[in-house]
Amino acid sequence: MRFTEVSSRFKFADMVVHDMTFPPMVFGLADALAARLRNLTGGRQWMGAHMRRGDCEYFHMLANE
């Protein structure tokens, strides 16, 4: 996004951080996805695992077999 004024950018950022709320189903989905990723990575930290150890390539190969 491009903002013509710095104040508009800050106003938008403030709205996203403080005013947006998600339905409970979104949090349930996030928990389910996190549990699935924990199982796939054997409990290792998964958020950056694909960048450090190539897990993403490994699981992609398994899906193609």
Protein backbone atom coordinates (compact mmCIF):
# COMPACT_ATOMS: atom_id res chain seq x y z
CA MET A 1 0.00 0.00 0.00
CA ARG A 2 1.09 3.53 -0.66
CA PHE A 3 0.09 6.37 1.58
CA THR A 4 0.28 9.99 0.56
CA GLU A 5 0.78 11.16 4.14
CA VAL A 6 2.76 9.71 7.02
CA SER A 7 -0.15 10.40 9.37
CA SER A 8 -2.43 8.24 7.18
CA ARG A 9 0.06 5.38 7.34
CA PHE A 10 0.20 5.59 11.13
CA LYS A 11 -3.59 5.80 11.35
CA PHE A 12 -3.94 2.66 9.21
CA ALA A 13 -1.30 0.78 11.24
CA ASP A 14 -3.03 1.77 14.48
CA MET A 15 -6.37 0.56 13.15
CA VAL A 16 -4.92 -2.83 12.16
CA VAL A 17 -3.17 -3.36 15.49
CA HIS A 18 -5.86 -2.06 17.85
CA ASP A 19 -9.27 -2.13 16.14
CA MET A 20 -9.41 -5.30 14.06
CA THR A 21 -10.80 -8.37 15.80
CA PHE A 22 -10.99 -11.90 14.49
CA PRO A 23 -13.84 -14.35 14.96
CA PRO A 24 -13.09 -17.21 17.39
CA MET A 25 -13.05 -19.67 14.46
CA VAL A 26 -9.91 -17.96 13.12
CA PHE A 27 -8.07 -18.61 16.38
CA GLY A 28 -9.27 -22.23 16.33
CA LEU A 29 -7.93 -22.65 12.81
CA ALA A 30 -4.60 -21.10 13.78
CA ASP A 31 -4.30 -23.52 16.72
CA ALA A 32 -5.08 -26.50 14.47
CA LEU A 33 -2.52 -25.42 11.88
CA ALA A 34 0.13 -24.84 14.55
CA ALA A 35 -0.50 -28.32 16.01
CA ARG A 36 -0.22 -29.88 12.57
CA LEU A 37 3.06 -28.11 11.88
CA ARG A 38 4.43 -29.16 15.28
CA ASN A 39 3.64 -32.78 14.36
CA LEU A 40 5.29 -32.41 10.94
CA THR A 41 8.46 -30.93 12.40
CA GLY A 42 8.68 -33.31 15.35
CA GLY A 43 8.16 -30.53 17.88
CA ARG A 44 10.94 -28.30 16.55
CA GLN A 45 10.27 -24.62 16.14
CA TRP A 46 8.52 -24.53 12.80
CA MET A 47 8.12 -20.87 11.90
CA GLY A 48 11.62 -20.59 10.49
CA ALA A 49 12.41 -24.28 10.13
CA HIS A 50 12.03 -24.27 6.37
CA MET A 51 14.56 -21.45 6.09
CA ARG A 52 17.19 -23.02 8.34
CA ARG A 53 17.05 -26.73 7.64
CA GLY A 54 15.25 -27.14 4.33
CA ASP A 55 12.20 -28.76 5.96
CA CYS A 56 9.97 -27.22 3.33
CA GLU A 57 11.78 -29.09 0.54
CA TYR A 58 11.76 -32.31 2.56
CA PHE A 59 8.00 -32.25 3.17
CA HIS A 60 7.38 -31.21 -0.42
CA MET A 61 9.26 -34.33 -1.58
CA LEU A 62 7.17 -36.51 0.76
CA ALA A 63 3.95 -35.05 -0.64
CA ASN A 64 5.04 -35.91 -4.21
CA GLU A 65 5.78 -39.58 -3.42
